[in-house]
Amino acid sequence: MPKLPTRPALHEQDWVSYDGKVMPYQKWLPGTTKPRGVVIAVHGLSGAASDFWFLGATLPKDGYAVYAYDLRGQGHDPVLNQRGDIGSSVQWLRDLETFHLLVRRQHPKTPVFWYGESLGSLICLHTAANRLNDRRDPDGIILASPVAGLKMTVSHFRRWLLDTTAALLPRTRFSLGDLAGVDESKIQVTSTTTHGGQMQKTEHHISSFSVRLLSEIGGLLDENPDAAKRLRMPVLFLASPNDILSSPDQIQRLFSQIKSPTKRLLWYNRSYHLLLHDVQRAEVSLDLFRWLEKTRTKR
């Protein structure tokens, strides 16, 4: 008899997605019995749920629950040979949608917001756009260090080569430094640390990624304008003009393409890509709380 698929479920420290994939997650709950709202946080490339410890240390004090799950294909994927790889970006989108519904079940009639950082911002943007205003939509999305484009210009030939390699040799791997043609120790991610230095401190660091994964991220970037035009829920951008990935013009352009009637863009001029790990993280957290409160009360 064929094995029946495992149903999605939220356990104490791990959860089961739509296809039976089991991944870890973390949660930080307020002391009150019923949260004022819930924030689901989605990390970036080579990141982890633990990256959101600062939100977990601040928002619950103001009555908000924070849930953060580890992305499949990243450093806490229990299947070691799948780390640094993804079959399709659709898996990321369906994971978020599944996790969202599981958290909603835990907190019925409580507003739920998504906080996506870097790659997580792409996942939040495209998942929200694809839901087409389902009644179980998130009540708002926060795109932190949004990947609105790439400062590094990728030629048509280089992109063709990447896509072709992804189709023929999908598990071929490159480091971010190889792809960008730069020394990772010189990629500034906070005002005091570089990508190379930061990754040496994290046990979930991934040194290289499959061309299939990189090509899937490129596909999401290509579809950013169309996804932005389909959004209708409130949207908050948290951005730095010093971001290593996207220029201020690219971020401003994506923000202008958002069709949500309620949207806001905040800049943090003394910070870099990892806003929650930089010198203005307290400002980021306070601005986020104020936006959550304003958005929650207007539901």
C-alpha atoms as a PDB file:
ATOM      1  CA  MET A   1       0.000   0.000   0.000  1.00  0.00           C
ATOM      2  CA  PRO A   2       1.466   3.399  -0.957  1.00  0.00           C
ATOM      3  CA  LYS A   3       2.416   5.654   1.939  1.00  0.00           C
ATOM      4  CA  LEU A   4      -0.075   8.438   2.509  1.00  0.00           C
ATOM      5  CA  PRO A   5       1.399  11.969   2.432  1.00  0.00           C
ATOM      6  CA  THR A   6       1.965  13.589   5.817  1.00  0.00           C
ATOM      7  CA  ARG A   7      -0.489  16.385   6.499  1.00  0.00           C
ATOM      8  CA  PRO A   8       0.845  19.871   7.271  1.00  0.00           C
ATOM      9  CA  ALA A   9       1.313  20.357  10.987  1.00  0.00           C
ATOM     10  CA  LEU A  10       2.924  22.751  13.451  1.00  0.00           C
ATOM     11  CA  HIS A  11       4.773  21.016  16.292  1.00  0.00           C
ATOM     12  CA  GLU A  12       6.675  22.563  19.169  1.00  0.00           C
ATOM     13  CA  GLN A  13      10.037  22.941  17.392  1.00  0.00           C
ATOM     14  CA  ASP A  14       9.462  21.778  13.820  1.00  0.00           C
ATOM     15  CA  TRP A  15       6.698  21.814  11.259  1.00  0.00           C
ATOM     16  CA  VAL A  16       5.506  19.749   8.309  1.00  0.00           C
ATOM     17  CA  SER A  17       4.948  21.517   4.977  1.00  0.00           C
ATOM     18  CA  TYR A  18       2.525  20.727   2.133  1.00  0.00           C
ATOM     19  CA  ASP A  19       4.721  17.942   0.705  1.00  0.00           C
ATOM     20  CA  GLY A  20       5.779  16.322   3.979  1.00  0.00           C
ATOM     21  CA  LYS A  21       9.042  18.270   4.268  1.00  0.00           C
ATOM     22  CA  VAL A  22       9.949  18.735   7.940  1.00  0.00           C
ATOM     23  CA  MET A  23      11.837  21.898   8.900  1.00  0.00           C
ATOM     24  CA  PRO A  24      12.681  23.625  12.196  1.00  0.00           C
ATOM     25  CA  TYR A  25      11.199  26.914  13.312  1.00  0.00           C
ATOM     26  CA  GLN A  26      11.353  29.266  16.298  1.00  0.00           C
ATOM     27  CA  LYS A  27       8.702  31.295  18.059  1.00  0.00           C
ATOM     28  CA  TRP A  28       8.698  34.085  20.607  1.00  0.00           C
ATOM     29  CA  LEU A  29       5.347  34.624  22.334  1.00  0.00           C
ATOM     30  CA  PRO A  30       4.070  37.506  24.487  1.00  0.00           C
ATOM     31  CA  GLY A  31       3.134  36.907  28.078  1.00  0.00           C
ATOM     32  CA  THR A  32      -0.518  37.643  27.378  1.00  0.00           C
ATOM     33  CA  THR A  33      -2.832  34.788  26.428  1.00  0.00           C
ATOM     34  CA  LYS A  34      -3.882  36.387  23.135  1.00  0.00           C
ATOM     35  CA  PRO A  35      -1.345  38.309  20.996  1.00  0.00           C
ATOM     36  CA  ARG A  36      -2.320  41.652  19.486  1.00  0.00           C
ATOM     37  CA  GLY A  37      -0.846  40.367  16.246  1.00  0.00           C
ATOM     38  CA  VAL A  38       1.529  37.807  14.779  1.00  0.00           C
ATOM     39  CA  VAL A  39       4.652  38.401  12.661  1.00  0.00           C
ATOM     40  CA  ILE A  40       5.930  35.559  10.461  1.00  0.00           C
ATOM     41  CA  ALA A  41       9.576  36.222   9.590  1.00  0.00           C
ATOM     42  CA  VAL A  42      11.317  34.780   6.514  1.00  0.00           C
ATOM     43  CA  HIS A  43      15.109  34.922   6.405  1.00  0.00           C
ATOM     44  CA  GLY A  44      17.537  35.504   3.565  1.00  0.00           C
ATOM     45  CA  LEU A  45      20.116  33.475   1.653  1.00  0.00           C
ATOM     46  CA  SER A  46      22.403  31.509   3.996  1.00  0.00           C
ATOM     47  CA  GLY A  47      20.282  32.780   6.882  1.00  0.00           C
ATOM     48  CA  ALA A  48      18.225  31.084   9.582  1.00  0.00           C
ATOM     49  CA  ALA A  49      15.202  31.596  11.812  1.00  0.00           C
ATOM     50  CA  SER A  50      17.558  32.615  14.609  1.00  0.00           C
ATOM     51  CA  ASP A  51      18.446  35.764  12.623  1.00  0.00           C
ATOM     52  CA  PHE A  52      15.240  37.279  13.992  1.00  0.00           C
ATOM     53  CA  TRP A  53      16.227  37.037  17.649  1.00  0.00           C
ATOM     54  CA  PHE A  54      16.033  40.831  17.983  1.00  0.00           C
ATOM     55  CA  LEU A  55      12.394  40.909  16.874  1.00  0.00           C
ATOM     56  CA  GLY A  56      11.819  38.036  19.276  1.00  0.00           C
ATOM     57  CA  ALA A  57      13.369  40.088  22.077  1.00  0.00           C
ATOM     58  CA  THR A  58      11.348  43.250  21.375  1.00  0.00           C
ATOM     59  CA  LEU A  59       7.957  42.651  19.749  1.00  0.00           C
ATOM     60  CA  PRO A  60       6.567  40.167  22.313  1.00  0.00           C
ATOM     61  CA  LYS A  61       7.042  42.853  24.994  1.00  0.00           C
ATOM     62  CA  ASP A  62       4.500  44.896  23.027  1.00  0.00           C
ATOM     63  CA  GLY A  63       2.094  41.999  22.652  1.00  0.00           C
ATOM     64  CA  TYR A  64       3.153  40.590  19.274  1.00  0.00           C
ATOM     65  CA  ALA A  65       4.040  36.955  18.654  1.00  0.00           C
ATOM     66  CA  VAL A  66       6.966  36.264  16.309  1.00  0.00           C
ATOM     67  CA  TYR A  67       7.308  33.040  14.298  1.00  0.00           C
ATOM     68  CA  ALA A  68      10.329  32.377  12.072  1.00  0.00           C
ATOM     69  CA  TYR A  69      10.957  29.217  10.077  1.00  0.00           C
ATOM     70  CA  ASP A  70      14.086  27.926   8.369  1.00  0.00           C
ATOM     71  CA  LEU A  71      13.931  27.824   4.584  1.00  0.00           C
ATOM     72  CA  ARG A  72      14.358  24.513   2.823  1.00  0.00           C
ATOM     73  CA  GLY A  73      17.654  24.360   0.969  1.00  0.00           C
ATOM     74  CA  GLN A  74      19.405  26.557   3.534  1.00  0.00           C
ATOM     75  CA  GLY A  75      21.760  25.850   6.415  1.00  0.00           C
ATOM     76  CA  HIS A  76      19.309  24.096   8.742  1.00  0.00           C
ATOM     77  CA  ASP A  77      17.758  21.820   6.129  1.00  0.00           C
ATOM     78  CA  PRO A  78      17.934  18.354   7.755  1.00  0.00           C
ATOM     79  CA  VAL A  79      18.758  16.788   4.358  1.00  0.00           C
ATOM     80  CA  LEU A  80      22.422  17.724   4.025  1.00  0.00           C
ATOM     81  CA  ASN A  81      22.737  17.289   0.244  1.00  0.00           C
ATOM     82  CA  GLN A  82      19.821  19.681  -0.285  1.00  0.00           C
ATOM     83  CA  ARG A  83      21.546  22.576   1.452  1.00  0.00           C
ATOM     84  CA  GLY A  84      22.363  25.296  -1.068  1.00  0.00           C
ATOM     85  CA  ASP A  85      19.872  23.905  -3.592  1.00  0.00           C
ATOM     86  CA  ILE A  86      16.158  24.184  -4.412  1.00  0.00           C
ATOM     87  CA  GLY A  87      14.071  22.289  -6.932  1.00  0.00           C
ATOM     88  CA  SER A  88      11.875  25.301  -7.693  1.00  0.00           C
ATOM     89  CA  SER A  89      11.155  28.675  -6.107  1.00  0.00           C
ATOM     90  CA  VAL A  90       7.513  27.547  -6.023  1.00  0.00           C
ATOM     91  CA  GLN A  91       8.507  25.326  -3.095  1.00  0.00           C
ATOM     92  CA  TRP A  92       9.496  28.405  -1.081  1.00  0.00           C
ATOM     93  CA  LEU A  93       6.206  30.126  -1.921  1.00  0.00           C
ATOM     94  CA  ARG A  94       4.106  27.121  -1.008  1.00  0.00           C
ATOM     95  CA  ASP A  95       6.066  26.663   2.218  1.00  0.00           C
ATOM     96  CA  LEU A  96       5.234  30.221   3.306  1.00  0.00           C
ATOM     97  CA  GLU A  97       1.585  29.811   2.405  1.00  0.00           C
ATOM     98  CA  THR A  98       1.418  26.536   4.360  1.00  0.00           C
ATOM     99  CA  PHE A  99       3.219  27.941   7.401  1.00  0.00           C
ATOM    100  CA  HIS A 100       0.939  30.991   7.307  1.00  0.00           C
ATOM    101  CA  LEU A 101      -2.193  28.846   7.423  1.00  0.00           C
ATOM    102  CA  LEU A 102      -0.786  26.736  10.267  1.00  0.00           C
ATOM    103  CA  VAL A 103       0.036  29.840  12.323  1.00  0.00           C
ATOM    104  CA  ARG A 104      -3.393  31.322  11.579  1.00  0.00           C
ATOM    105  CA  ARG A 105      -4.908  28.140  12.966  1.00  0.00           C
ATOM    106  CA  GLN A 106      -2.916  28.699  16.181  1.00  0.00           C
ATOM    107  CA  HIS A 107      -4.085  32.316  16.448  1.00  0.00           C
ATOM    108  CA  PRO A 108      -7.597  32.604  14.965  1.00  0.00           C
ATOM    109  CA  LYS A 109      -9.014  36.101  14.449  1.00  0.00           C
ATOM    110  CA  THR A 110      -5.562  37.617  15.098  1.00  0.00           C
ATOM    111  CA  PRO A 111      -3.929  39.778  12.397  1.00  0.00           C
ATOM    112  CA  VAL A 112      -0.932  38.085  10.788  1.00  0.00           C
ATOM    113  CA  PHE A 113       1.880  39.994   9.073  1.00  0.00           C
ATOM    114  CA  TRP A 114       4.844  38.747   7.038  1.00  0.00           C
ATOM    115  CA  TYR A 115       8.372  40.108   7.504  1.00  0.00           C
ATOM    116  CA  GLY A 116      10.718  39.093   4.690  1.00  0.00           C
ATOM    117  CA  GLU A 117      14.414  39.937   4.740  1.00  0.00           C
ATOM    118  CA  SER A 118      16.469  39.921   1.506  1.00  0.00           C
ATOM    119  CA  LEU A 119      15.608  36.611  -0.231  1.00  0.00           C
ATOM    120  CA  GLY A 120      12.740  36.418   2.265  1.00  0.00           C
ATOM    121  CA  SER A 121      11.401  39.687   0.827  1.00  0.00           C
ATOM    122  CA  LEU A 122      11.150  38.034  -2.606  1.00  0.00           C
ATOM    123  CA  ILE A 123       9.362  35.043  -1.109  1.00  0.00           C
ATOM    124  CA  CYS A 124       6.884  37.269   0.761  1.00  0.00           C
ATOM    125  CA  LEU A 125       6.288  39.534  -2.246  1.00  0.00           C
ATOM    126  CA  HIS A 126       5.573  36.720  -4.692  1.00  0.00           C
ATOM    127  CA  THR A 127       3.559  34.566  -2.306  1.00  0.00           C
ATOM    128  CA  ALA A 128       1.345  37.525  -1.390  1.00  0.00           C
ATOM    129  CA  ALA A 129       0.896  38.484  -5.053  1.00  0.00           C
ATOM    130  CA  ASN A 130      -0.115  34.941  -5.975  1.00  0.00           C
ATOM    131  CA  ARG A 131      -2.794  34.717  -3.288  1.00  0.00           C
ATOM    132  CA  LEU A 132      -4.975  37.217  -5.180  1.00  0.00           C
ATOM    133  CA  ASN A 133      -6.611  38.650  -2.069  1.00  0.00           C
ATOM    134  CA  ASP A 134      -7.651  35.369  -0.525  1.00  0.00           C
ATOM    135  CA  ARG A 135      -9.692  35.987   2.621  1.00  0.00           C
ATOM    136  CA  ARG A 136      -6.852  34.365   4.595  1.00  0.00           C
ATOM    137  CA  ASP A 137      -4.285  36.830   3.230  1.00  0.00           C
ATOM    138  CA  PRO A 138      -1.657  38.309   5.514  1.00  0.00           C
ATOM    139  CA  ASP A 139      -2.905  41.591   6.933  1.00  0.00           C
ATOM    140  CA  GLY A 140       0.228  43.302   5.678  1.00  0.00           C
ATOM    141  CA  ILE A 141       3.767  42.536   4.502  1.00  0.00           C
ATOM    142  CA  ILE A 142       7.104  44.050   5.462  1.00  0.00           C
ATOM    143  CA  LEU A 143       9.912  43.868   2.891  1.00  0.00           C
ATOM    144  CA  ALA A 144      13.232  44.468   4.671  1.00  0.00           C
ATOM    145  CA  SER A 145      16.339  45.021   2.535  1.00  0.00           C
ATOM    146  CA  PRO A 146      14.114  44.215  -0.455  1.00  0.00           C
ATOM    147  CA  VAL A 147      15.868  42.610  -3.411  1.00  0.00           C
ATOM    148  CA  ALA A 148      14.525  45.042  -5.972  1.00  0.00           C
ATOM    149  CA  GLY A 149      17.287  44.375  -8.481  1.00  0.00           C
ATOM    150  CA  LEU A 150      21.028  43.787  -8.575  1.00  0.00           C
ATOM    151  CA  LYS A 151      23.640  46.530  -8.501  1.00  0.00           C
ATOM    152  CA  MET A 152      25.876  44.127 -10.399  1.00  0.00           C
ATOM    153  CA  THR A 153      24.851  44.119 -14.043  1.00  0.00           C
ATOM    154  CA  VAL A 154      24.382  40.594 -15.379  1.00  0.00           C
ATOM    155  CA  SER A 155      24.880  40.445 -19.127  1.00  0.00           C
ATOM    156  CA  HIS A 156      22.402  38.584 -21.337  1.00  0.00           C
ATOM    157  CA  PHE A 157      25.117  36.053 -22.132  1.00  0.00           C
ATOM    158  CA  ARG A 158      25.959  35.487 -18.448  1.00  0.00           C
ATOM    159  CA  ARG A 159      22.264  35.064 -17.605  1.00  0.00           C
ATOM    160  CA  TRP A 160      21.818  32.668 -20.568  1.00  0.00           C
ATOM    161  CA  LEU A 161      24.846  30.716 -19.380  1.00  0.00           C
ATOM    162  CA  LEU A 162      23.424  30.538 -15.834  1.00  0.00           C
ATOM    163  CA  ASP A 163      20.004  29.360 -17.022  1.00  0.00           C
ATOM    164  CA  THR A 164      21.510  26.844 -19.444  1.00  0.00           C
ATOM    165  CA  THR A 165      23.797  25.413 -16.773  1.00  0.00           C
ATOM    166  CA  ALA A 166      20.819  25.236 -14.400  1.00  0.00           C
ATOM    167  CA  ALA A 167      18.940  23.157 -16.970  1.00  0.00           C
ATOM    168  CA  LEU A 168      21.837  20.851 -17.919  1.00  0.00           C
ATOM    169  CA  LEU A 169      23.908  20.688 -14.731  1.00  0.00           C
ATOM    170  CA  PRO A 170      21.545  22.041 -12.057  1.00  0.00           C
ATOM    171  CA  ARG A 171      23.705  21.059  -9.078  1.00  0.00           C
ATOM    172  CA  THR A 172      26.825  22.907 -10.282  1.00  0.00           C
ATOM    173  CA  ARG A 173      27.767  25.286  -7.474  1.00  0.00           C
ATOM    174  CA  PHE A 174      29.213  28.770  -7.091  1.00  0.00           C
ATOM    175  CA  SER A 175      29.911  30.950  -4.081  1.00  0.00           C
ATOM    176  CA  LEU A 176      28.429  34.437  -3.944  1.00  0.00           C
ATOM    177  CA  GLY A 177      31.946  35.793  -4.349  1.00  0.00           C
ATOM    178  CA  ASP A 178      32.476  33.726  -7.512  1.00  0.00           C
ATOM    179  CA  LEU A 179      29.180  34.921  -8.948  1.00  0.00           C
ATOM    180  CA  ALA A 180      29.806  38.581  -8.188  1.00  0.00           C
ATOM    181  CA  GLY A 181      33.505  38.414  -9.022  1.00  0.00           C
ATOM    182  CA  VAL A 182      34.490  39.917  -5.664  1.00  0.00           C
ATOM    183  CA  ASP A 183      36.183  38.881  -2.436  1.00  0.00           C
ATOM    184  CA  GLU A 184      33.435  37.978   0.078  1.00  0.00           C
ATOM    185  CA  SER A 185      35.498  39.531   2.859  1.00  0.00           C
ATOM    186  CA  LYS A 186      34.896  42.899   1.173  1.00  0.00           C
ATOM    187  CA  ILE A 187      31.099  42.603   0.861  1.00  0.00           C
ATOM    188  CA  GLN A 188      29.786  44.946   3.584  1.00  0.00           C
ATOM    189  CA  VAL A 189      26.611  43.626   5.266  1.00  0.00           C
ATOM    190  CA  THR A 190      26.559  45.816   8.385  1.00  0.00           C
ATOM    191  CA  SER A 191      28.391  49.012   9.282  1.00  0.00           C
ATOM    192  CA  THR A 192      31.045  46.935  11.090  1.00  0.00           C
ATOM    193  CA  THR A 193      31.045  43.487   9.414  1.00  0.00           C
ATOM    194  CA  THR A 194      31.457  41.894   5.994  1.00  0.00           C
ATOM    195  CA  HIS A 195      29.677  38.898   4.512  1.00  0.00           C
ATOM    196  CA  GLY A 196      32.774  36.754   4.918  1.00  0.00           C
ATOM    197  CA  GLY A 197      33.283  37.823   8.515  1.00  0.00           C
ATOM    198  CA  GLN A 198      29.615  37.443   9.437  1.00  0.00           C
ATOM    199  CA  MET A 199      29.351  33.958   7.941  1.00  0.00           C
ATOM    200  CA  GLN A 200      32.350  32.722   9.935  1.00  0.00           C
ATOM    201  CA  LYS A 201      30.277  33.306  13.080  1.00  0.00           C
ATOM    202  CA  THR A 202      27.183  31.375  11.949  1.00  0.00           C
ATOM    203  CA  GLU A 203      26.870  27.606  11.974  1.00  0.00           C
ATOM    204  CA  HIS A 204      24.178  27.772   9.275  1.00  0.00           C
ATOM    205  CA  HIS A 205      26.512  29.355   6.719  1.00  0.00           C
ATOM    206  CA  ILE A 206      26.419  27.867   3.209  1.00  0.00           C
ATOM    207  CA  SER A 207      29.599  28.351   1.200  1.00  0.00           C
ATOM    208  CA  SER A 208      28.137  27.746  -2.268  1.00  0.00           C
ATOM    209  CA  PHE A 209      24.807  27.501  -4.072  1.00  0.00           C
ATOM    210  CA  SER A 210      23.559  25.500  -7.022  1.00  0.00           C
ATOM    211  CA  VAL A 211      23.036  27.309 -10.307  1.00  0.00           C
ATOM    212  CA  ARG A 212      19.470  25.992 -10.185  1.00  0.00           C
ATOM    213  CA  LEU A 213      18.841  27.932  -6.955  1.00  0.00           C
ATOM    214  CA  LEU A 214      20.506  31.064  -8.334  1.00  0.00           C
ATOM    215  CA  SER A 215      18.494  30.793 -11.554  1.00  0.00           C
ATOM    216  CA  GLU A 216      15.250  30.454  -9.581  1.00  0.00           C
ATOM    217  CA  ILE A 217      16.070  33.620  -7.637  1.00  0.00           C
ATOM    218  CA  GLY A 218      16.778  35.344 -10.965  1.00  0.00           C
ATOM    219  CA  GLY A 219      13.336  34.290 -12.183  1.00  0.00           C
ATOM    220  CA  LEU A 220      11.684  35.862  -9.135  1.00  0.00           C
ATOM    221  CA  LEU A 221      13.609  39.088  -9.748  1.00  0.00           C
ATOM    222  CA  ASP A 222      12.389  39.176 -13.347  1.00  0.00           C
ATOM    223  CA  GLU A 223       8.798  38.885 -12.141  1.00  0.00           C
ATOM    224  CA  ASN A 224       9.075  41.549  -9.422  1.00  0.00           C
ATOM    225  CA  PRO A 225       7.245  44.322 -11.352  1.00  0.00           C
ATOM    226  CA  ASP A 226       4.283  42.091 -12.189  1.00  0.00           C
ATOM    227  CA  ALA A 227       4.058  40.816  -8.597  1.00  0.00           C
ATOM    228  CA  ALA A 228       4.238  44.362  -7.202  1.00  0.00           C
ATOM    229  CA  LYS A 229       1.296  45.447  -9.332  1.00  0.00           C
ATOM    230  CA  ARG A 230      -0.895  42.670  -7.915  1.00  0.00           C
ATOM    231  CA  LEU A 231      -0.456  43.551  -4.240  1.00  0.00           C
ATOM    232  CA  ARG A 232      -3.413  45.065  -2.422  1.00  0.00           C
ATOM    233  CA  MET A 233      -2.610  44.597   1.284  1.00  0.00           C
ATOM    234  CA  PRO A 234      -0.602  47.215   3.233  1.00  0.00           C
ATOM    235  CA  VAL A 235       3.136  47.131   2.451  1.00  0.00           C
ATOM    236  CA  LEU A 236       6.111  48.506   4.390  1.00  0.00           C
ATOM    237  CA  PHE A 237       9.604  48.798   2.869  1.00  0.00           C
ATOM    238  CA  LEU A 238      12.585  48.937   5.262  1.00  0.00           C
ATOM    239  CA  ALA A 239      15.669  49.804   3.250  1.00  0.00           C
ATOM    240  CA  SER A 240      19.234  51.094   3.329  1.00  0.00           C
ATOM    241  CA  PRO A 241      20.857  53.261   0.637  1.00  0.00           C
ATOM    242  CA  ASN A 242      24.065  51.312   1.392  1.00  0.00           C
ATOM    243  CA  ASP A 243      22.572  47.927   0.508  1.00  0.00           C
ATOM    244  CA  ILE A 244      25.026  45.573  -1.188  1.00  0.00           C
ATOM    245  CA  LEU A 245      22.416  44.057  -3.520  1.00  0.00           C
ATOM    246  CA  SER A 246      19.980  46.733  -4.680  1.00  0.00           C
ATOM    247  CA  SER A 247      20.594  50.413  -5.392  1.00  0.00           C
ATOM    248  CA  PRO A 248      18.344  53.144  -3.933  1.00  0.00           C
ATOM    249  CA  ASP A 249      16.945  53.758  -7.433  1.00  0.00           C
ATOM    250  CA  GLN A 250      16.046  50.079  -7.855  1.00  0.00           C
ATOM    251  CA  ILE A 251      14.349  49.995  -4.444  1.00  0.00           C
ATOM    252  CA  GLN A 252      12.464  53.221  -5.159  1.00  0.00           C
ATOM    253  CA  ARG A 253      11.357  51.865  -8.551  1.00  0.00           C
ATOM    254  CA  LEU A 254       9.974  48.653  -7.070  1.00  0.00           C
ATOM    255  CA  PHE A 255       8.222  50.640  -4.347  1.00  0.00           C
ATOM    256  CA  SER A 256       6.572  52.843  -6.991  1.00  0.00           C
ATOM    257  CA  GLN A 257       5.281  49.710  -8.745  1.00  0.00           C
ATOM    258  CA  ILE A 258       3.429  48.535  -5.617  1.00  0.00           C
ATOM    259  CA  LYS A 259      -0.294  49.111  -6.231  1.00  0.00           C
ATOM    260  CA  SER A 260      -1.400  48.682  -2.623  1.00  0.00           C
ATOM    261  CA  PRO A 261      -3.431  51.700  -1.500  1.00  0.00           C
ATOM    262  CA  THR A 262      -1.428  51.742   1.763  1.00  0.00           C
ATOM    263  CA  LYS A 263       2.349  51.632   1.452  1.00  0.00           C
ATOM    264  CA  ARG A 264       5.367  53.230   3.100  1.00  0.00           C
ATOM    265  CA  LEU A 265       9.116  53.320   2.485  1.00  0.00           C
ATOM    266  CA  LEU A 266      11.572  53.982   5.334  1.00  0.00           C
ATOM    267  CA  TRP A 267      15.323  54.501   4.856  1.00  0.00           C
ATOM    268  CA  TYR A 268      18.099  53.745   7.376  1.00  0.00           C
ATOM    269  CA  ASN A 269      21.087  55.763   6.231  1.00  0.00           C
ATOM    270  CA  ARG A 270      23.617  54.479   8.773  1.00  0.00           C
ATOM    271  CA  SER A 271      22.884  50.806   8.175  1.00  0.00           C
ATOM    272  CA  TYR A 272      23.697  48.238   5.517  1.00  0.00           C
ATOM    273  CA  HIS A 273      22.015  45.048   4.300  1.00  0.00           C
ATOM    274  CA  LEU A 274      21.359  43.262   7.610  1.00  0.00           C
ATOM    275  CA  LEU A 275      19.170  45.892   9.242  1.00  0.00           C
ATOM    276  CA  LEU A 276      18.323  43.852  12.346  1.00  0.00           C
ATOM    277  CA  HIS A 277      22.030  43.311  13.059  1.00  0.00           C
ATOM    278  CA  ASP A 278      23.198  46.883  12.507  1.00  0.00           C
ATOM    279  CA  VAL A 279      23.456  50.119  14.479  1.00  0.00           C
ATOM    280  CA  GLN A 280      19.858  51.213  13.776  1.00  0.00           C
ATOM    281  CA  ARG A 281      18.125  47.969  14.698  1.00  0.00           C
ATOM    282  CA  ALA A 282      16.305  49.608  17.624  1.00  0.00           C
ATOM    283  CA  GLU A 283      14.894  52.222  15.211  1.00  0.00           C
ATOM    284  CA  VAL A 284      13.871  49.473  12.794  1.00  0.00           C
ATOM    285  CA  SER A 285      12.059  47.584  15.551  1.00  0.00           C
ATOM    286  CA  LEU A 286      10.294  50.721  16.827  1.00  0.00           C
ATOM    287  CA  ASP A 287       9.236  51.804  13.324  1.00  0.00           C
ATOM    288  CA  LEU A 288       7.969  48.279  12.675  1.00  0.00           C
ATOM    289  CA  PHE A 289       5.938  48.249  15.901  1.00  0.00           C
ATOM    290  CA  ARG A 290       4.353  51.628  15.118  1.00  0.00           C
ATOM    291  CA  TRP A 291       3.442  50.471  11.603  1.00  0.00           C
ATOM    292  CA  LEU A 292       1.972  47.216  12.927  1.00  0.00           C
ATOM    293  CA  GLU A 293      -0.152  49.102  15.439  1.00  0.00           C
ATOM    294  CA  LYS A 294      -1.408  51.575  12.850  1.00  0.00           C
ATOM    295  CA  THR A 295      -2.153  48.855  10.307  1.00  0.00           C
ATOM    296  CA  ARG A 296      -3.783  46.537  12.864  1.00  0.00           C
ATOM    297  CA  THR A 297      -6.198  49.182  14.123  1.00  0.00           C
ATOM    298  CA  LYS A 298      -7.319  50.058  10.581  1.00  0.00           C
ATOM    299  CA  ARG A 299      -8.424  46.514   9.734  1.00  0.00           C
END
